[in-house]
Structure formats: structure tokens, C-alpha cells
């Protein structure tokens, strides 16, 4: 069974701040992206720089989370084998198989 997940980590300020998204498949990184603060700062002018940076960080995080959620929604669901018995689908391997009469 394939395990899909993600991690969203803060980025260092000297790299532009914001967030780093890692898309994971069985614990291995298979994609991702960065969400630096700069594109978000001008969109949210505030009376003080601290408030503006906090708002930008929140929106950048929400965008990273939306990207991760969209990616997870496109991952295939592992289907486990199911067998039909007299009562419907079952995960138990049948002990005998009865063919329908024609």
C-alpha cells in the first residue's frame, strides 16, 4: 500500500522566508515547492511591517497547504482485493469457488 503525505516547513529568512512544501510517497520526496513571502507582501499592505509579514506568512502557508491537498486528492487509491461470497464482498480468501449455473 502506498503512503502519501506532505510536510510544510518554514524557510530561512535569508532565503526569502515563507514555506517549503515537500510531497512524499512512502516517506520519499517526489515533488514540492517553495512559497516565499515576497509575492504576498505587496498584496497585504499593513500599517506596520510585522503585521504585514505575519499576514503574508499566513497566506503563503494556506497556499502551500492548498497545493498539498490538491496533490493528495489526485493520488490513486490502493485497492485491496475483495472476493465475493454468499454475503457480498469479503476480504477473506474463498475456500471454495462455486460457478453460477448457466
N, C-alpha and C. Protein backbone atom coordinates (compact mmCIF):
# COMPACT_ATOMS: atom_id res chain seq x y z
N UNK A 1 0.84 -1.17 0.00
CA UNK A 1 0.00 0.00 0.00
C UNK A 1 0.89 1.24 0.00
N UNK A 2 0.62 2.16 -0.87
CA UNK A 2 1.42 3.38 -0.98
C UNK A 2 0.94 4.39 0.05
N UNK A 3 1.91 5.01 0.73
CA UNK A 3 1.60 6.02 1.74
C UNK A 3 1.96 7.40 1.17
N UNK A 4 0.96 8.26 1.05
CA UNK A 4 1.18 9.62 0.53
C UNK A 4 1.07 10.62 1.68
N UNK A 5 1.88 11.65 1.62
CA UNK A 5 1.83 12.68 2.65
C UNK A 5 2.55 13.93 2.19
N UNK A 6 2.71 14.86 3.12
CA UNK A 6 3.42 16.10 2.81
C UNK A 6 3.98 16.69 4.09
N UNK A 7 4.94 17.58 3.91
CA UNK A 7 5.50 18.36 5.01
C UNK A 7 5.57 19.81 4.57
N UNK A 8 5.22 20.71 5.45
CA UNK A 8 5.37 22.14 5.19
C UNK A 8 6.28 22.67 6.28
N UNK A 9 7.45 23.17 5.86
CA UNK A 9 8.47 23.63 6.79
C UNK A 9 8.76 25.10 6.55
N UNK A 10 9.08 25.84 7.61
CA UNK A 10 9.47 27.24 7.41
C UNK A 10 10.81 27.34 6.67
N UNK A 11 10.92 28.37 5.86
CA UNK A 11 12.17 28.63 5.14
C UNK A 11 12.95 29.70 5.88
N UNK A 12 14.29 29.63 5.84
CA UNK A 12 15.10 30.66 6.50
C UNK A 12 14.84 32.05 5.89
N UNK A 13 14.92 33.07 6.72
CA UNK A 13 14.69 34.44 6.26
C UNK A 13 15.67 34.85 5.17
N UNK A 14 16.92 34.36 5.25
CA UNK A 14 17.91 34.74 4.22
C UNK A 14 17.61 34.12 2.86
N UNK A 15 16.68 33.16 2.82
CA UNK A 15 16.24 32.58 1.54
C UNK A 15 14.89 33.15 1.11
N UNK A 16 14.40 34.14 1.81
CA UNK A 16 13.15 34.78 1.44
C UNK A 16 11.99 34.46 2.37
N UNK A 17 12.27 33.66 3.40
CA UNK A 17 11.21 33.31 4.35
C UNK A 17 10.14 32.47 3.69
N UNK A 18 9.00 32.42 4.32
CA UNK A 18 7.87 31.67 3.77
C UNK A 18 7.94 30.20 4.14
N UNK A 19 7.55 29.34 3.20
CA UNK A 19 7.38 27.93 3.48
C UNK A 19 7.94 27.06 2.37
N UNK A 20 8.37 25.86 2.74
CA UNK A 20 8.81 24.85 1.77
C UNK A 20 7.87 23.67 1.88
N UNK A 21 7.31 23.26 0.76
CA UNK A 21 6.40 22.12 0.69
C UNK A 21 7.15 20.92 0.13
N UNK A 22 7.05 19.81 0.83
CA UNK A 22 7.62 18.54 0.35
C UNK A 22 6.48 17.55 0.19
N UNK A 23 6.32 17.01 -1.02
CA UNK A 23 5.31 15.99 -1.29
C UNK A 23 5.99 14.63 -1.16
N UNK A 24 5.37 13.75 -0.38
CA UNK A 24 6.02 12.49 -0.02
C UNK A 24 5.24 11.28 -0.49
N UNK A 25 5.99 10.29 -0.96
CA UNK A 25 5.42 9.00 -1.32
C UNK A 25 6.26 7.94 -0.62
N UNK A 26 5.65 7.21 0.30
CA UNK A 26 6.36 6.23 1.11
C UNK A 26 7.58 6.84 1.80
N UNK A 27 7.41 8.08 2.28
CA UNK A 27 8.47 8.76 3.01
C UNK A 27 9.53 9.43 2.16
N UNK A 28 9.50 9.24 0.86
CA UNK A 28 10.49 9.83 -0.05
C UNK A 28 9.89 11.05 -0.74
N UNK A 29 10.68 12.10 -0.86
CA UNK A 29 10.21 13.31 -1.53
C UNK A 29 10.08 13.07 -3.03
N UNK A 30 8.88 13.36 -3.58
CA UNK A 30 8.63 13.17 -5.00
C UNK A 30 8.25 14.48 -5.69
N UNK A 31 8.24 15.57 -4.95
CA UNK A 31 7.89 16.87 -5.52
C UNK A 31 7.75 17.88 -4.40
N UNK A 32 7.29 19.05 -4.77
CA UNK A 32 7.11 20.09 -3.77
C UNK A 32 7.25 21.46 -4.38
N UNK A 33 7.53 22.42 -3.53
CA UNK A 33 7.68 23.78 -3.99
C UNK A 33 8.02 24.70 -2.84
N UNK A 34 8.29 25.94 -3.18
CA UNK A 34 8.57 26.95 -2.16
C UNK A 34 7.55 28.08 -2.29
N UNK A 35 7.23 28.65 -1.16
CA UNK A 35 6.26 29.73 -1.08
C UNK A 35 6.90 30.88 -0.30
N UNK A 36 7.79 31.65 -0.97
CA UNK A 36 8.46 32.75 -0.29
C UNK A 36 7.48 33.89 0.02
N UNK A 37 7.84 34.73 0.96
CA UNK A 37 6.93 35.81 1.38
C UNK A 37 6.82 36.93 0.36
N UNK A 38 7.85 37.18 -0.43
CA UNK A 38 7.86 38.36 -1.30
C UNK A 38 6.62 38.52 -2.17
N UNK A 39 6.07 37.49 -2.81
CA UNK A 39 4.87 37.70 -3.63
C UNK A 39 3.64 38.09 -2.81
N UNK A 40 3.66 37.79 -1.54
CA UNK A 40 2.50 38.05 -0.70
C UNK A 40 2.58 39.39 0.04
N UNK A 41 3.77 39.93 0.18
CA UNK A 41 3.92 41.16 0.96
C UNK A 41 3.20 42.34 0.35
N UNK A 42 3.33 42.55 -0.95
CA UNK A 42 2.70 43.72 -1.56
C UNK A 42 1.18 43.58 -1.62
N UNK A 43 0.69 42.35 -1.57
CA UNK A 43 -0.76 42.13 -1.64
C UNK A 43 -1.45 42.47 -0.33
N UNK A 44 -0.69 42.57 0.75
CA UNK A 44 -1.28 42.84 2.06
C UNK A 44 -0.56 43.98 2.76
N UNK A 45 -0.68 45.18 2.22
CA UNK A 45 -0.03 46.30 2.91
C UNK A 45 -0.69 46.52 4.27
N UNK A 46 0.14 46.72 5.25
CA UNK A 46 -0.37 46.94 6.60
C UNK A 46 0.28 48.19 7.18
N UNK A 47 -0.21 48.58 8.32
CA UNK A 47 0.33 49.78 8.96
C UNK A 47 1.72 49.56 9.50
N UNK A 48 2.06 48.32 9.80
CA UNK A 48 3.42 48.04 10.26
C UNK A 48 3.95 46.79 9.58
N UNK A 49 5.27 46.74 9.46
CA UNK A 49 5.91 45.65 8.72
C UNK A 49 5.69 44.29 9.38
N UNK A 50 5.66 44.24 10.70
CA UNK A 50 5.47 42.96 11.40
C UNK A 50 4.12 42.36 11.07
N UNK A 51 3.08 43.17 11.11
CA UNK A 51 1.74 42.70 10.80
C UNK A 51 1.65 42.25 9.34
N UNK A 52 2.28 43.01 8.47
CA UNK A 52 2.27 42.65 7.04
C UNK A 52 2.97 41.31 6.81
N UNK A 53 4.09 41.07 7.47
CA UNK A 53 4.82 39.82 7.32
C UNK A 53 4.02 38.64 7.89
N UNK A 54 3.33 38.86 9.00
CA UNK A 54 2.51 37.80 9.59
C UNK A 54 1.36 37.43 8.66
N UNK A 55 0.72 38.42 8.07
CA UNK A 55 -0.38 38.15 7.14
C UNK A 55 0.14 37.43 5.90
N UNK A 56 1.29 37.86 5.38
CA UNK A 56 1.87 37.23 4.20
C UNK A 56 2.25 35.78 4.50
N UNK A 57 2.82 35.53 5.68
CA UNK A 57 3.21 34.17 6.06
C UNK A 57 1.99 33.27 6.17
N UNK A 58 0.90 33.80 6.70
CA UNK A 58 -0.32 33.00 6.85
C UNK A 58 -0.88 32.62 5.47
N UNK A 59 -0.94 33.57 4.56
CA UNK A 59 -1.49 33.30 3.22
C UNK A 59 -0.55 32.37 2.44
N UNK A 60 0.75 32.55 2.58
CA UNK A 60 1.70 31.65 1.90
C UNK A 60 1.53 30.23 2.42
N UNK A 61 1.34 30.08 3.73
CA UNK A 61 1.12 28.74 4.30
C UNK A 61 -0.17 28.13 3.76
N UNK A 62 -1.23 28.93 3.70
CA UNK A 62 -2.51 28.44 3.18
C UNK A 62 -2.37 27.99 1.72
N UNK A 63 -1.58 28.70 0.92
CA UNK A 63 -1.34 28.30 -0.46
C UNK A 63 -0.56 26.98 -0.53
N UNK A 64 0.45 26.82 0.34
CA UNK A 64 1.20 25.57 0.38
C UNK A 64 0.29 24.42 0.79
N UNK A 65 -0.57 24.65 1.76
CA UNK A 65 -1.50 23.62 2.21
C UNK A 65 -2.50 23.26 1.11
N UNK A 66 -2.98 24.26 0.38
CA UNK A 66 -3.91 24.01 -0.72
C UNK A 66 -3.23 23.18 -1.82
N UNK A 67 -1.98 23.48 -2.10
CA UNK A 67 -1.22 22.72 -3.10
C UNK A 67 -1.07 21.27 -2.65
N UNK A 68 -0.73 21.06 -1.38
CA UNK A 68 -0.59 19.71 -0.86
C UNK A 68 -1.91 18.95 -0.91
N UNK A 69 -2.98 19.62 -0.54
CA UNK A 69 -4.30 18.97 -0.54
C UNK A 69 -4.72 18.59 -1.95
N UNK A 70 -4.46 19.47 -2.91
CA UNK A 70 -4.80 19.17 -4.31
C UNK A 70 -3.99 17.97 -4.81
N UNK A 71 -2.72 17.92 -4.43
CA UNK A 71 -1.88 16.80 -4.86
C UNK A 71 -2.39 15.49 -4.25
N UNK A 72 -2.72 15.51 -2.96
CA UNK A 72 -3.23 14.30 -2.31
C UNK A 72 -4.52 13.81 -2.96
N UNK A 73 -5.36 14.75 -3.37
CA UNK A 73 -6.64 14.38 -3.99
C UNK A 73 -6.46 13.67 -5.33
N UNK A 74 -5.32 13.86 -5.97
CA UNK A 74 -5.08 13.22 -7.28
C UNK A 74 -4.34 11.89 -7.17
N UNK A 75 -3.94 11.51 -5.96
CA UNK A 75 -3.21 10.24 -5.79
C UNK A 75 -4.18 9.08 -5.93
N UNK A 76 -3.74 8.01 -6.60
CA UNK A 76 -4.62 6.85 -6.76
C UNK A 76 -4.84 6.15 -5.43
N UNK A 77 -6.03 5.67 -5.24
CA UNK A 77 -6.35 4.91 -4.04
C UNK A 77 -5.94 3.46 -4.29
N UNK A 78 -5.17 2.92 -3.37
CA UNK A 78 -4.81 1.50 -3.49
C UNK A 78 -6.05 0.66 -3.24
N UNK A 79 -6.32 -0.21 -4.16
CA UNK A 79 -7.48 -1.08 -4.00
C UNK A 79 -7.01 -2.43 -3.48
N UNK A 80 -7.63 -2.85 -2.42
CA UNK A 80 -7.31 -4.16 -1.88
C UNK A 80 -8.23 -5.18 -2.52
N UNK A 81 -7.73 -6.38 -2.74
CA UNK A 81 -8.59 -7.38 -3.38
C UNK A 81 -9.78 -7.71 -2.51
N UNK A 82 -10.89 -7.86 -3.14
CA UNK A 82 -12.11 -8.28 -2.43
C UNK A 82 -12.70 -9.44 -3.21
N UNK A 83 -13.17 -10.41 -2.50
CA UNK A 83 -13.79 -11.57 -3.10
C UNK A 83 -15.27 -11.55 -2.77
N UNK A 84 -16.06 -12.10 -3.64
CA UNK A 84 -17.49 -12.18 -3.37
C UNK A 84 -17.81 -13.53 -2.76
N UNK A 85 -18.53 -13.48 -1.67
CA UNK A 85 -19.05 -14.73 -1.12
C UNK A 85 -20.56 -14.62 -1.10
N UNK A 86 -21.21 -15.55 -0.43
CA UNK A 86 -22.68 -15.56 -0.42
C UNK A 86 -23.28 -14.30 0.19
N UNK A 87 -22.49 -13.59 1.00
CA UNK A 87 -23.00 -12.40 1.69
C UNK A 87 -22.51 -11.10 1.06
N UNK A 88 -21.76 -11.18 -0.03
CA UNK A 88 -21.25 -9.97 -0.69
C UNK A 88 -19.73 -9.93 -0.63
N UNK A 89 -19.13 -8.71 -0.77
CA UNK A 89 -17.67 -8.60 -0.78
C UNK A 89 -17.07 -9.06 0.54
N UNK A 90 -15.92 -9.70 0.44
CA UNK A 90 -15.22 -10.19 1.62
C UNK A 90 -13.73 -10.09 1.38
N UNK A 91 -12.97 -9.79 2.44
CA UNK A 91 -11.52 -9.76 2.33
C UNK A 91 -10.90 -11.13 2.58
N UNK A 92 -11.73 -12.11 2.96
CA UNK A 92 -11.24 -13.46 3.21
C UNK A 92 -11.12 -14.22 1.90
N UNK A 93 -10.03 -14.91 1.74
CA UNK A 93 -9.82 -15.73 0.56
C UNK A 93 -10.83 -16.87 0.58
N UNK A 94 -11.53 -17.09 -0.52
CA UNK A 94 -12.55 -18.15 -0.50
C UNK A 94 -11.91 -19.52 -0.38
N UNK A 95 -12.62 -20.41 0.34
CA UNK A 95 -12.12 -21.78 0.48
C UNK A 95 -12.63 -22.65 -0.64
N UNK A 96 -13.73 -22.24 -1.27
CA UNK A 96 -14.25 -22.95 -2.43
C UNK A 96 -14.88 -21.93 -3.37
N UNK A 97 -14.87 -22.25 -4.61
CA UNK A 97 -15.46 -21.36 -5.62
C UNK A 97 -16.62 -22.11 -6.26
N UNK A 98 -17.76 -21.47 -6.28
CA UNK A 98 -18.94 -22.04 -6.91
C UNK A 98 -19.27 -21.22 -8.14
N UNK A 99 -19.29 -21.87 -9.27
CA UNK A 99 -19.62 -21.17 -10.50
C UNK A 99 -21.13 -21.11 -10.66
N UNK A 100 -21.65 -20.00 -11.18
CA UNK A 100 -23.10 -19.91 -11.38
C UNK A 100 -23.55 -20.91 -12.44
N UNK A 101 -24.76 -21.40 -12.28
CA UNK A 101 -25.33 -22.34 -13.26
C UNK A 101 -25.82 -21.55 -14.46
N UNK A 102 -25.53 -22.06 -15.65
CA UNK A 102 -25.95 -21.35 -16.85
C UNK A 102 -27.36 -21.69 -17.23
